[in-house]
C-alpha cells in the first residue's frame, strides 16, 4: 500500500494554519506538522521530512519569502506551494522567484 503524502504547514498566523490543516486533510494528505516562519519552519521541516510544504504568504512579504527561499534551498526536491490573499501577479512572481512551485490564492479549496 502506498504511503499517504505528508504536508507541512508554514504560516505565522495560527488561524490560517488551522484552516490550511483542514484543507490538507480534506485533500487526502496527512499533516506532518506546522510552524511559523524562519528557523522554526526549517527545524520542523528537517524533523518531519514532508512530501510537500504549504507556506502562507501575506504582506509584508519579506519574512515569508525569506522562509520560502531557505526551505527551497534546504529541500530542493520538495514542492513548495505558496498560498496568499493577494491576487496580484507580482506577488505570485516574487513567490516563484523565491522557490515556490505553485501559487494559490485564498480561499483555497481541497
PDB file of N, CA and C in Angstrom:
ATOM      1  N   UNK A   1       0.838  -1.172   0.000  1.00  0.00           N
ATOM      2  CA  UNK A   1       0.000   0.000   0.000  1.00  0.00           C
ATOM      3  C   UNK A   1       0.889   1.243   0.000  1.00  0.00           C
ATOM      4  N   UNK A   2       0.529   2.221  -0.824  1.00  0.00           N
ATOM      5  CA  UNK A   2       1.306   3.454  -0.937  1.00  0.00           C
ATOM      6  C   UNK A   2       1.119   4.329   0.299  1.00  0.00           C
ATOM      7  N   UNK A   3       2.167   5.032   0.632  1.00  0.00           N
ATOM      8  CA  UNK A   3       2.145   5.950   1.767  1.00  0.00           C
ATOM      9  C   UNK A   3       1.378   7.216   1.383  1.00  0.00           C
ATOM     10  N   UNK A   4       0.551   7.703   2.280  1.00  0.00           N
ATOM     11  CA  UNK A   4      -0.160   8.952   2.050  1.00  0.00           C
ATOM     12  C   UNK A   4       0.830  10.100   2.170  1.00  0.00           C
ATOM     13  N   UNK A   5       0.888  10.995   1.179  1.00  0.00           N
ATOM     14  CA  UNK A   5       1.825  12.114   1.257  1.00  0.00           C
ATOM     15  C   UNK A   5       1.560  12.991   2.483  1.00  0.00           C
ATOM     16  N   UNK A   6       2.638  13.456   3.079  1.00  0.00           N
ATOM     17  CA  UNK A   6       2.537  14.288   4.280  1.00  0.00           C
ATOM     18  C   UNK A   6       2.890  15.735   3.943  1.00  0.00           C
ATOM     19  N   UNK A   7       2.109  16.657   4.489  1.00  0.00           N
ATOM     20  CA  UNK A   7       2.294  18.079   4.219  1.00  0.00           C
ATOM     21  C   UNK A   7       2.707  18.818   5.486  1.00  0.00           C
ATOM     22  N   UNK A   8       3.590  19.779   5.316  1.00  0.00           N
ATOM     23  CA  UNK A   8       3.988  20.677   6.388  1.00  0.00           C
ATOM     24  C   UNK A   8       3.323  22.019   6.120  1.00  0.00           C
ATOM     25  N   UNK A   9       2.712  22.603   7.144  1.00  0.00           N
ATOM     26  CA  UNK A   9       2.008  23.874   7.025  1.00  0.00           C
ATOM     27  C   UNK A   9       2.833  24.957   7.721  1.00  0.00           C
ATOM     28  N   UNK A  10       3.220  25.980   6.959  1.00  0.00           N
ATOM     29  CA  UNK A  10       4.007  27.087   7.484  1.00  0.00           C
ATOM     30  C   UNK A  10       3.205  28.376   7.354  1.00  0.00           C
ATOM     31  N   UNK A  11       2.988  29.042   8.458  1.00  0.00           N
ATOM     32  CA  UNK A  11       2.293  30.336   8.455  1.00  0.00           C
ATOM     33  C   UNK A  11       2.486  30.963   9.823  1.00  0.00           C
ATOM     34  N   UNK A  12       2.602  32.258   9.871  1.00  0.00           N
ATOM     35  CA  UNK A  12       2.772  32.937  11.146  1.00  0.00           C
ATOM     36  C   UNK A  12       1.449  33.020  11.901  1.00  0.00           C
ATOM     37  N   UNK A  13       0.333  33.033  11.161  1.00  0.00           N
ATOM     38  CA  UNK A  13      -0.989  33.176  11.748  1.00  0.00           C
ATOM     39  C   UNK A  13      -1.562  31.809  12.141  1.00  0.00           C
ATOM     40  N   UNK A  14      -1.868  31.639  13.412  1.00  0.00           N
ATOM     41  CA  UNK A  14      -2.354  30.353  13.930  1.00  0.00           C
ATOM     42  C   UNK A  14      -3.683  29.964  13.278  1.00  0.00           C
ATOM     43  N   UNK A  15      -4.580  30.918  13.080  1.00  0.00           N
ATOM     44  CA  UNK A  15      -5.874  30.621  12.463  1.00  0.00           C
ATOM     45  C   UNK A  15      -5.695  30.158  11.016  1.00  0.00           C
ATOM     46  N   UNK A  16      -4.794  30.793  10.286  1.00  0.00           N
ATOM     47  CA  UNK A  16      -4.516  30.374   8.908  1.00  0.00           C
ATOM     48  C   UNK A  16      -3.927  28.968   8.867  1.00  0.00           C
ATOM     49  N   UNK A  17      -3.073  28.655   9.837  1.00  0.00           N
ATOM     50  CA  UNK A  17      -2.516  27.294   9.895  1.00  0.00           C
ATOM     51  C   UNK A  17      -3.631  26.283  10.126  1.00  0.00           C
ATOM     52  N   UNK A  18      -4.551  26.597  11.022  1.00  0.00           N
ATOM     53  CA  UNK A  18      -5.671  25.691  11.292  1.00  0.00           C
ATOM     54  C   UNK A  18      -6.486  25.463  10.009  1.00  0.00           C
ATOM     55  N   UNK A  19      -6.819  26.547   9.315  1.00  0.00           N
ATOM     56  CA  UNK A  19      -7.604  26.425   8.084  1.00  0.00           C
ATOM     57  C   UNK A  19      -6.861  25.615   7.023  1.00  0.00           C
ATOM     58  N   UNK A  20      -5.561  25.833   6.911  1.00  0.00           N
ATOM     59  CA  UNK A  20      -4.768  25.081   5.938  1.00  0.00           C
ATOM     60  C   UNK A  20      -4.707  23.606   6.311  1.00  0.00           C
ATOM     61  N   UNK A  21      -4.557  23.311   7.594  1.00  0.00           N
ATOM     62  CA  UNK A  21      -4.561  21.896   8.028  1.00  0.00           C
ATOM     63  C   UNK A  21      -5.862  21.223   7.628  1.00  0.00           C
ATOM     64  N   UNK A  22      -6.986  21.900   7.777  1.00  0.00           N
ATOM     65  CA  UNK A  22      -8.280  21.317   7.408  1.00  0.00           C
ATOM     66  C   UNK A  22      -8.340  21.041   5.904  1.00  0.00           C
ATOM     67  N   UNK A  23      -7.812  21.955   5.106  1.00  0.00           N
ATOM     68  CA  UNK A  23      -7.791  21.774   3.646  1.00  0.00           C
ATOM     69  C   UNK A  23      -6.882  20.609   3.273  1.00  0.00           C
ATOM     70  N   UNK A  24      -5.732  20.524   3.927  1.00  0.00           N
ATOM     71  CA  UNK A  24      -4.789  19.433   3.663  1.00  0.00           C
ATOM     72  C   UNK A  24      -5.448  18.086   3.949  1.00  0.00           C
ATOM     73  N   UNK A  25      -6.092  17.981   5.099  1.00  0.00           N
ATOM     74  CA  UNK A  25      -6.768  16.727   5.462  1.00  0.00           C
ATOM     75  C   UNK A  25      -7.886  16.393   4.491  1.00  0.00           C
ATOM     76  N   UNK A  26      -8.687  17.403   4.109  1.00  0.00           N
ATOM     77  CA  UNK A  26      -9.795  17.178   3.178  1.00  0.00           C
ATOM     78  C   UNK A  26      -9.299  16.787   1.792  1.00  0.00           C
ATOM     79  N   UNK A  27      -8.049  17.130   1.489  1.00  0.00           N
ATOM     80  CA  UNK A  27      -7.450  16.789   0.196  1.00  0.00           C
ATOM     81  C   UNK A  27      -6.851  15.388   0.179  1.00  0.00           C
ATOM     82  N   UNK A  28      -6.909  14.694   1.309  1.00  0.00           N
ATOM     83  CA  UNK A  28      -6.400  13.331   1.373  1.00  0.00           C
ATOM     84  C   UNK A  28      -4.939  13.223   1.765  1.00  0.00           C
ATOM     85  N   UNK A  29      -4.342  14.316   2.197  1.00  0.00           N
ATOM     86  CA  UNK A  29      -2.957  14.294   2.669  1.00  0.00           C
ATOM     87  C   UNK A  29      -2.953  14.205   4.191  1.00  0.00           C
ATOM     88  N   UNK A  30      -1.830  13.811   4.750  1.00  0.00           N
ATOM     89  CA  UNK A  30      -1.682  13.873   6.204  1.00  0.00           C
ATOM     90  C   UNK A  30      -0.903  15.134   6.552  1.00  0.00           C
ATOM     91  N   UNK A  31      -1.085  15.603   7.756  1.00  0.00           N
ATOM     92  CA  UNK A  31      -0.368  16.786   8.218  1.00  0.00           C
ATOM     93  C   UNK A  31       0.859  16.312   8.993  1.00  0.00           C
ATOM     94  N   UNK A  32       2.041  16.620   8.462  1.00  0.00           N
ATOM     95  CA  UNK A  32       3.290  16.221   9.111  1.00  0.00           C
ATOM     96  C   UNK A  32       3.600  17.128  10.291  1.00  0.00           C
ATOM     97  N   UNK A  33       3.172  18.380  10.198  1.00  0.00           N
ATOM     98  CA  UNK A  33       3.431  19.345  11.256  1.00  0.00           C
ATOM     99  C   UNK A  33       3.084  20.740  10.803  1.00  0.00           C
ATOM    100  N   UNK A  34       3.335  21.690  11.695  1.00  0.00           N
ATOM    101  CA  UNK A  34       3.090  23.093  11.380  1.00  0.00           C
ATOM    102  C   UNK A  34       4.091  23.952  12.128  1.00  0.00           C
ATOM    103  N   UNK A  35       4.332  25.150  11.571  1.00  0.00           N
ATOM    104  CA  UNK A  35       5.314  26.045  12.185  1.00  0.00           C
ATOM    105  C   UNK A  35       5.109  27.459  11.672  1.00  0.00           C
ATOM    106  N   UNK A  36       5.760  28.393  12.363  1.00  0.00           N
ATOM    107  CA  UNK A  36       5.829  29.771  11.902  1.00  0.00           C
ATOM    108  C   UNK A  36       6.982  29.903  10.920  1.00  0.00           C
ATOM    109  N   UNK A  37       7.373  31.132  10.634  1.00  0.00           N
ATOM    110  CA  UNK A  37       8.442  31.387   9.665  1.00  0.00           C
ATOM    111  C   UNK A  37       9.828  31.205  10.280  1.00  0.00           C
ATOM    112  N   UNK A  38      10.837  31.297   9.426  1.00  0.00           N
ATOM    113  CA  UNK A  38      12.228  31.314   9.867  1.00  0.00           C
ATOM    114  C   UNK A  38      12.756  29.972  10.327  1.00  0.00           C
ATOM    115  N   UNK A  39      13.565  30.014  11.379  1.00  0.00           N
ATOM    116  CA  UNK A  39      14.214  28.803  11.895  1.00  0.00           C
ATOM    117  C   UNK A  39      13.207  27.764  12.368  1.00  0.00           C
ATOM    118  N   UNK A  40      12.075  28.212  12.889  1.00  0.00           N
ATOM    119  CA  UNK A  40      11.042  27.266  13.310  1.00  0.00           C
ATOM    120  C   UNK A  40      10.577  26.425  12.121  1.00  0.00           C
ATOM    121  N   UNK A  41      10.396  27.065  10.968  1.00  0.00           N
ATOM    122  CA  UNK A  41       9.978  26.341   9.758  1.00  0.00           C
ATOM    123  C   UNK A  41      11.046  25.354   9.311  1.00  0.00           C
ATOM    124  N   UNK A  42      12.301  25.799   9.278  1.00  0.00           N
ATOM    125  CA  UNK A  42      13.393  24.919   8.853  1.00  0.00           C
ATOM    126  C   UNK A  42      13.577  23.734   9.791  1.00  0.00           C
ATOM    127  N   UNK A  43      13.528  23.986  11.079  1.00  0.00           N
ATOM    128  CA  UNK A  43      13.696  22.914  12.059  1.00  0.00           C
ATOM    129  C   UNK A  43      12.559  21.905  11.953  1.00  0.00           C
ATOM    130  N   UNK A  44      11.336  22.390  11.837  1.00  0.00           N
ATOM    131  CA  UNK A  44      10.191  21.485  11.726  1.00  0.00           C
ATOM    132  C   UNK A  44      10.264  20.686  10.428  1.00  0.00           C
ATOM    133  N   UNK A  45      10.681  21.312   9.337  1.00  0.00           N
ATOM    134  CA  UNK A  45      10.816  20.600   8.065  1.00  0.00           C
ATOM    135  C   UNK A  45      11.873  19.506   8.166  1.00  0.00           C
ATOM    136  N   UNK A  46      12.983  19.804   8.820  1.00  0.00           N
ATOM    137  CA  UNK A  46      14.033  18.775   8.991  1.00  0.00           C
ATOM    138  C   UNK A  46      13.531  17.620   9.854  1.00  0.00           C
ATOM    139  N   UNK A  47      12.749  17.944  10.886  1.00  0.00           N
ATOM    140  CA  UNK A  47      12.238  16.918  11.794  1.00  0.00           C
ATOM    141  C   UNK A  47      11.170  16.034  11.152  1.00  0.00           C
ATOM    142  N   UNK A  48      10.363  16.619  10.266  1.00  0.00           N
ATOM    143  CA  UNK A  48       9.221  15.880   9.711  1.00  0.00           C
ATOM    144  C   UNK A  48       9.455  15.324   8.311  1.00  0.00           C
ATOM    145  N   UNK A  49      10.424  15.897   7.562  1.00  0.00           N
ATOM    146  CA  UNK A  49      10.715  15.473   6.193  1.00  0.00           C
ATOM    147  C   UNK A  49       9.434  15.318   5.361  1.00  0.00           C
ATOM    148  N   UNK A  50       8.695  16.422   5.142  1.00  0.00           N
ATOM    149  CA  UNK A  50       7.408  16.345   4.457  1.00  0.00           C
ATOM    150  C   UNK A  50       7.543  16.078   2.957  1.00  0.00           C
ATOM    151  N   UNK A  51       6.445  15.634   2.355  1.00  0.00           N
ATOM    152  CA  UNK A  51       6.405  15.411   0.912  1.00  0.00           C
ATOM    153  C   UNK A  51       6.056  16.690   0.161  1.00  0.00           C
ATOM    154  N   UNK A  52       5.382  17.624   0.836  1.00  0.00           N
ATOM    155  CA  UNK A  52       5.011  18.916   0.264  1.00  0.00           C
ATOM    156  C   UNK A  52       4.949  19.934   1.402  1.00  0.00           C
ATOM    157  N   UNK A  53       5.280  21.190   1.092  1.00  0.00           N
ATOM    158  CA  UNK A  53       5.254  22.251   2.095  1.00  0.00           C
ATOM    159  C   UNK A  53       4.339  23.363   1.606  1.00  0.00           C
ATOM    160  N   UNK A  54       3.358  23.721   2.430  1.00  0.00           N
ATOM    161  CA  UNK A  54       2.453  24.835   2.145  1.00  0.00           C
ATOM    162  C   UNK A  54       2.892  26.024   2.997  1.00  0.00           C
ATOM    163  N   UNK A  55       3.100  27.180   2.358  1.00  0.00           N
ATOM    164  CA  UNK A  55       3.539  28.373   3.071  1.00  0.00           C
ATOM    165  C   UNK A  55       2.543  29.498   2.835  1.00  0.00           C
ATOM    166  N   UNK A  56       1.985  30.022   3.925  1.00  0.00           N
ATOM    167  CA  UNK A  56       1.092  31.174   3.841  1.00  0.00           C
ATOM    168  C   UNK A  56       1.925  32.438   3.731  1.00  0.00           C
ATOM    169  N   UNK A  57       1.648  33.256   2.723  1.00  0.00           N
ATOM    170  CA  UNK A  57       2.412  34.473   2.475  1.00  0.00           C
ATOM    171  C   UNK A  57       1.459  35.642   2.306  1.00  0.00           C
ATOM    172  N   UNK A  58       1.601  36.644   3.154  1.00  0.00           N
ATOM    173  CA  UNK A  58       0.835  37.878   3.041  1.00  0.00           C
ATOM    174  C   UNK A  58       1.750  39.051   3.341  1.00  0.00           C
ATOM    175  N   UNK A  59       1.233  40.247   3.159  1.00  0.00           N
ATOM    176  CA  UNK A  59       2.013  41.465   3.428  1.00  0.00           C
ATOM    177  C   UNK A  59       2.287  41.587   4.913  1.00  0.00           C
ATOM    178  N   UNK A  60       3.432  42.050   5.313  1.00  0.00           N
ATOM    179  CA  UNK A  60       4.617  42.265   4.478  1.00  0.00           C
ATOM    180  C   UNK A  60       5.224  40.928   4.055  1.00  0.00           C
ATOM    181  N   UNK A  61       5.692  40.854   2.831  1.00  0.00           N
ATOM    182  CA  UNK A  61       6.110  39.583   2.239  1.00  0.00           C
ATOM    183  C   UNK A  61       7.568  39.213   2.476  1.00  0.00           C
ATOM    184  N   UNK A  62       8.373  40.101   3.022  1.00  0.00           N
ATOM    185  CA  UNK A  62       9.808  39.838   3.128  1.00  0.00           C
ATOM    186  C   UNK A  62      10.124  38.587   3.941  1.00  0.00           C
ATOM    187  N   UNK A  63       9.600  38.509   5.151  1.00  0.00           N
ATOM    188  CA  UNK A  63       9.938  37.368   6.017  1.00  0.00           C
ATOM    189  C   UNK A  63       9.402  36.041   5.467  1.00  0.00           C
ATOM    190  N   UNK A  64       8.137  35.973   5.047  1.00  0.00           N
ATOM    191  CA  UNK A  64       7.683  34.694   4.490  1.00  0.00           C
ATOM    192  C   UNK A  64       8.449  34.287   3.237  1.00  0.00           C
ATOM    193  N   UNK A  65       8.816  35.245   2.391  1.00  0.00           N
ATOM    194  CA  UNK A  65       9.571  34.889   1.185  1.00  0.00           C
ATOM    195  C   UNK A  65      10.991  34.455   1.523  1.00  0.00           C
ATOM    196  N   UNK A  66      11.576  35.019   2.573  1.00  0.00           N
ATOM    197  CA  UNK A  66      12.885  34.539   3.037  1.00  0.00           C
ATOM    198  C   UNK A  66      12.760  33.087   3.498  1.00  0.00           C
ATOM    199  N   UNK A  67      11.660  32.775   4.168  1.00  0.00           N
ATOM    200  CA  UNK A  67      11.431  31.402   4.614  1.00  0.00           C
ATOM    201  C   UNK A  67      11.279  30.473   3.419  1.00  0.00           C
ATOM    202  N   UNK A  68      10.557  30.910   2.390  1.00  0.00           N
ATOM    203  CA  UNK A  68      10.411  30.111   1.167  1.00  0.00           C
ATOM    204  C   UNK A  68      11.781  29.856   0.548  1.00  0.00           C
ATOM    205  N   UNK A  69      12.621  30.886   0.464  1.00  0.00           N
ATOM    206  CA  UNK A  69      13.970  30.728  -0.099  1.00  0.00           C
ATOM    207  C   UNK A  69      14.786  29.715   0.697  1.00  0.00           C
ATOM    208  N   UNK A  70      14.743  29.820   2.017  1.00  0.00           N
ATOM    209  CA  UNK A  70      15.505  28.914   2.875  1.00  0.00           C
ATOM    210  C   UNK A  70      15.012  27.472   2.728  1.00  0.00           C
ATOM    211  N   UNK A  71      13.693  27.297   2.686  1.00  0.00           N
ATOM    212  CA  UNK A  71      13.133  25.948   2.530  1.00  0.00           C
ATOM    213  C   UNK A  71      13.474  25.369   1.162  1.00  0.00           C
ATOM    214  N   UNK A  72      13.401  26.195   0.118  1.00  0.00           N
ATOM    215  CA  UNK A  72      13.727  25.733  -1.233  1.00  0.00           C
ATOM    216  C   UNK A  72      15.187  25.312  -1.324  1.00  0.00           C
ATOM    217  N   UNK A  73      16.065  26.033  -0.635  1.00  0.00           N
ATOM    218  CA  UNK A  73      17.487  25.676  -0.642  1.00  0.00           C
ATOM    219  C   UNK A  73      17.750  24.398   0.151  1.00  0.00           C
ATOM    220  N   UNK A  74      17.063  24.237   1.270  1.00  0.00           N
ATOM    221  CA  UNK A  74      17.289  23.077   2.132  1.00  0.00           C
ATOM    222  C   UNK A  74      16.587  21.819   1.613  1.00  0.00           C
ATOM    223  N   UNK A  75      15.468  21.994   0.887  1.00  0.00           N
ATOM    224  CA  UNK A  75      14.675  20.865   0.398  1.00  0.00           C
ATOM    225  C   UNK A  75      14.362  21.067  -1.083  1.00  0.00           C
ATOM    226  N   UNK A  76      15.374  21.002  -1.943  1.00  0.00           N
ATOM    227  CA  UNK A  76      15.161  21.316  -3.364  1.00  0.00           C
ATOM    228  C   UNK A  76      14.196  20.373  -4.088  1.00  0.00           C
ATOM    229  N   UNK A  77      14.019  19.165  -3.587  1.00  0.00           N
ATOM    230  CA  UNK A  77      13.136  18.203  -4.248  1.00  0.00           C
ATOM    231  C   UNK A  77      11.720  18.190  -3.671  1.00  0.00           C
ATOM    232  N   UNK A  78      11.478  18.998  -2.645  1.00  0.00           N
ATOM    233  CA  UNK A  78      10.164  19.038  -2.013  1.00  0.00           C
ATOM    234  C   UNK A  78       9.365  20.207  -2.583  1.00  0.00           C
ATOM    235  N   UNK A  79       8.184  19.936  -3.145  1.00  0.00           N
ATOM    236  CA  UNK A  79       7.373  21.027  -3.696  1.00  0.00           C
ATOM    237  C   UNK A  79       6.955  22.018  -2.609  1.00  0.00           C
ATOM    238  N   UNK A  80       7.122  23.311  -2.916  1.00  0.00           N
ATOM    239  CA  UNK A  80       6.682  24.391  -2.038  1.00  0.00           C
ATOM    240  C   UNK A  80       5.492  25.070  -2.703  1.00  0.00           C
ATOM    241  N   UNK A  81       4.379  25.127  -1.995  1.00  0.00           N
ATOM    242  CA  UNK A  81       3.173  25.762  -2.510  1.00  0.00           C
ATOM    243  C   UNK A  81       2.877  26.971  -1.639  1.00  0.00           C
ATOM    244  N   UNK A  82       2.850  28.144  -2.258  1.00  0.00           N
ATOM    245  CA  UNK A  82       2.559  29.381  -1.538  1.00  0.00           C
ATOM    246  C   UNK A  82       1.072  29.686  -1.663  1.00  0.00           C
ATOM    247  N   UNK A  83       0.483  30.089  -0.534  1.00  0.00           N
ATOM    248  CA  UNK A  83      -0.925  30.492  -0.501  1.00  0.00           C
ATOM    249  C   UNK A  83      -0.977  31.924  -0.004  1.00  0.00           C
ATOM    250  N   UNK A  84      -1.769  32.761  -0.677  1.00  0.00           N
ATOM    251  CA  UNK A  84      -1.811  34.171  -0.307  1.00  0.00           C
ATOM    252  C   UNK A  84      -3.188  34.757  -0.560  1.00  0.00           C
ATOM    253  N   UNK A  85      -3.506  35.813   0.178  1.00  0.00           N
ATOM    254  CA  UNK A  85      -4.735  36.564  -0.073  1.00  0.00           C
ATOM    255  C   UNK A  85      -4.575  37.458  -1.292  1.00  0.00           C
ATOM    256  N   UNK A  86      -3.349  37.718  -1.685  1.00  0.00           N
ATOM    257  CA  UNK A  86      -3.067  38.606  -2.812  1.00  0.00           C
ATOM    258  C   UNK A  86      -3.384  37.922  -4.132  1.00  0.00           C
ATOM    259  N   UNK A  87      -4.038  38.660  -4.994  1.00  0.00           N
ATOM    260  CA  UNK A  87      -4.322  38.168  -6.341  1.00  0.00           C
ATOM    261  C   UNK A  87      -3.437  38.874  -7.367  1.00  0.00           C
ATOM    262  N   UNK A  88      -2.461  39.640  -6.873  1.00  0.00           N
ATOM    263  CA  UNK A  88      -1.546  40.390  -7.739  1.00  0.00           C
ATOM    264  C   UNK A  88      -0.534  39.445  -8.384  1.00  0.00           C
ATOM    265  N   UNK A  89      -0.327  39.612  -9.668  1.00  0.00           N
ATOM    266  CA  UNK A  89       0.638  38.780 -10.383  1.00  0.00           C
ATOM    267  C   UNK A  89       2.050  38.997  -9.848  1.00  0.00           C
ATOM    268  N   UNK A  90       2.343  40.187  -9.357  1.00  0.00           N
ATOM    269  CA  UNK A  90       3.672  40.482  -8.809  1.00  0.00           C
ATOM    270  C   UNK A  90       3.948  39.629  -7.565  1.00  0.00           C
ATOM    271  N   UNK A  91       2.931  39.400  -6.749  1.00  0.00           N
ATOM    272  CA  UNK A  91       3.096  38.542  -5.568  1.00  0.00           C
ATOM    273  C   UNK A  91       3.421  37.115  -5.985  1.00  0.00           C
ATOM    274  N   UNK A  92       2.717  36.626  -6.995  1.00  0.00           N
ATOM    275  CA  UNK A  92       2.981  35.275  -7.496  1.00  0.00           C
ATOM    276  C   UNK A  92       4.389  35.190  -8.072  1.00  0.00           C
ATOM    277  N   UNK A  93       4.797  36.215  -8.806  1.00  0.00           N
ATOM    278  CA  UNK A  93       6.135  36.223  -9.400  1.00  0.00           C
ATOM    279  C   UNK A  93       7.212  36.189  -8.320  1.00  0.00           C
ATOM    280  N   UNK A  94       7.049  36.996  -7.282  1.00  0.00           N
ATOM    281  CA  UNK A  94       8.018  37.015  -6.182  1.00  0.00           C
ATOM    282  C   UNK A  94       8.093  35.653  -5.493  1.00  0.00           C
ATOM    283  N   UNK A  95       6.948  35.025  -5.291  1.00  0.00           N
ATOM    284  CA  UNK A  95       6.924  33.708  -4.646  1.00  0.00           C
ATOM    285  C   UNK A  95       7.643  32.669  -5.506  1.00  0.00           C
ATOM    286  N   UNK A  96       7.420  32.705  -6.808  1.00  0.00           N
ATOM    287  CA  UNK A  96       8.066  31.752  -7.700  1.00  0.00           C
ATOM    288  C   UNK A  96       9.575  32.006  -7.769  1.00  0.00           C
ATOM    289  N   UNK A  97       9.967  33.266  -7.751  1.00  0.00           N
ATOM    290  CA  UNK A  97      11.399  33.600  -7.762  1.00  0.00           C
ATOM    291  C   UNK A  97      12.070  33.130  -6.469  1.00  0.00           C
ATOM    292  N   UNK A  98      11.319  33.100  -5.379  1.00  0.00           N
ATOM    293  CA  UNK A  98      11.868  32.656  -4.092  1.00  0.00           C
ATOM    294  C   UNK A  98      11.985  31.131  -4.023  1.00  0.00           C
ATOM    295  N   UNK A  99      11.300  30.417  -4.934  1.00  0.00           N
ATOM    296  CA  UNK A  99      11.425  28.965  -4.939  1.00  0.00           C
ATOM    297  C   UNK A  99      10.121  28.197  -4.884  1.00  0.00           C
ATOM    298  N   UNK A 100       8.980  28.902  -4.868  1.00  0.00           N
ATOM    299  CA  UNK A 100       7.694  28.206  -4.853  1.00  0.00           C
ATOM    300  C   UNK A 100       7.446  27.515  -6.187  1.00  0.00           C
ATOM    301  N   UNK A 101       6.797  26.371  -6.133  1.00  0.00           N
ATOM    302  CA  UNK A 101       6.438  25.665  -7.372  1.00  0.00           C
ATOM    303  C   UNK A 101       5.021  25.996  -7.822  1.00  0.00           C
ATOM    304  N   UNK A 102       4.206  26.504  -6.879  1.00  0.00           N
ATOM    305  CA  UNK A 102       2.842  26.876  -7.233  1.00  0.00           C
ATOM    306  C   UNK A 102       2.398  28.010  -6.326  1.00  0.00           C
ATOM    307  N   UNK A 103       1.386  28.758  -6.764  1.00  0.00           N
ATOM    308  CA  UNK A 103       0.857  29.899  -6.030  1.00  0.00           C
ATOM    309  C   UNK A 103      -0.656  29.797  -6.045  1.00  0.00           C
ATOM    310  N   UNK A 104      -1.255  29.686  -4.859  1.00  0.00           N
ATOM    311  CA  UNK A 104      -2.705  29.587  -4.746  1.00  0.00           C
ATOM    312  C   UNK A 104      -3.234  30.818  -4.023  1.00  0.00           C
ATOM    313  N   UNK A 105      -4.355  31.340  -4.518  1.00  0.00           N
ATOM    314  CA  UNK A 105      -4.978  32.462  -3.835  1.00  0.00           C
ATOM    315  C   UNK A 105      -6.042  31.931  -2.875  1.00  0.00           C
ATOM    316  N   UNK A 106      -6.102  32.569  -1.718  1.00  0.00           N
ATOM    317  CA  UNK A 106      -7.096  32.191  -0.721  1.00  0.00           C
ATOM    318  C   UNK A 106      -8.424  32.825  -1.057  1.00  0.00           C
ATOM    319  N   UNK A 107      -9.524  32.194  -0.768  1.00  0.00           N
ATOM    320  CA  UNK A 107      -9.629  30.936  -0.041  1.00  0.00           C
ATOM    321  C   UNK A 107      -9.295  29.735  -0.930  1.00  0.00           C
ATOM    322  N   UNK A 108      -8.540  28.803  -0.365  1.00  0.00           N
ATOM    323  CA  UNK A 108      -8.142  27.594  -1.066  1.00  0.00           C
ATOM    324  C   UNK A 108      -9.164  26.517  -0.770  1.00  0.00           C
ATOM    325  N   UNK A 109      -9.513  25.731  -1.783  1.00  0.00           N
ATOM    326  CA  UNK A 109     -10.449  24.632  -1.617  1.00  0.00           C
ATOM    327  C   UNK A 109      -9.696  23.305  -1.771  1.00  0.00           C
ATOM    328  N   UNK A 110     -10.166  22.278  -1.088  1.00  0.00           N
ATOM    329  CA  UNK A 110      -9.497  20.961  -1.192  1.00  0.00           C
ATOM    330  C   UNK A 110      -9.389  20.455  -2.618  1.00  0.00           C
TER     331      UNK A 110
END
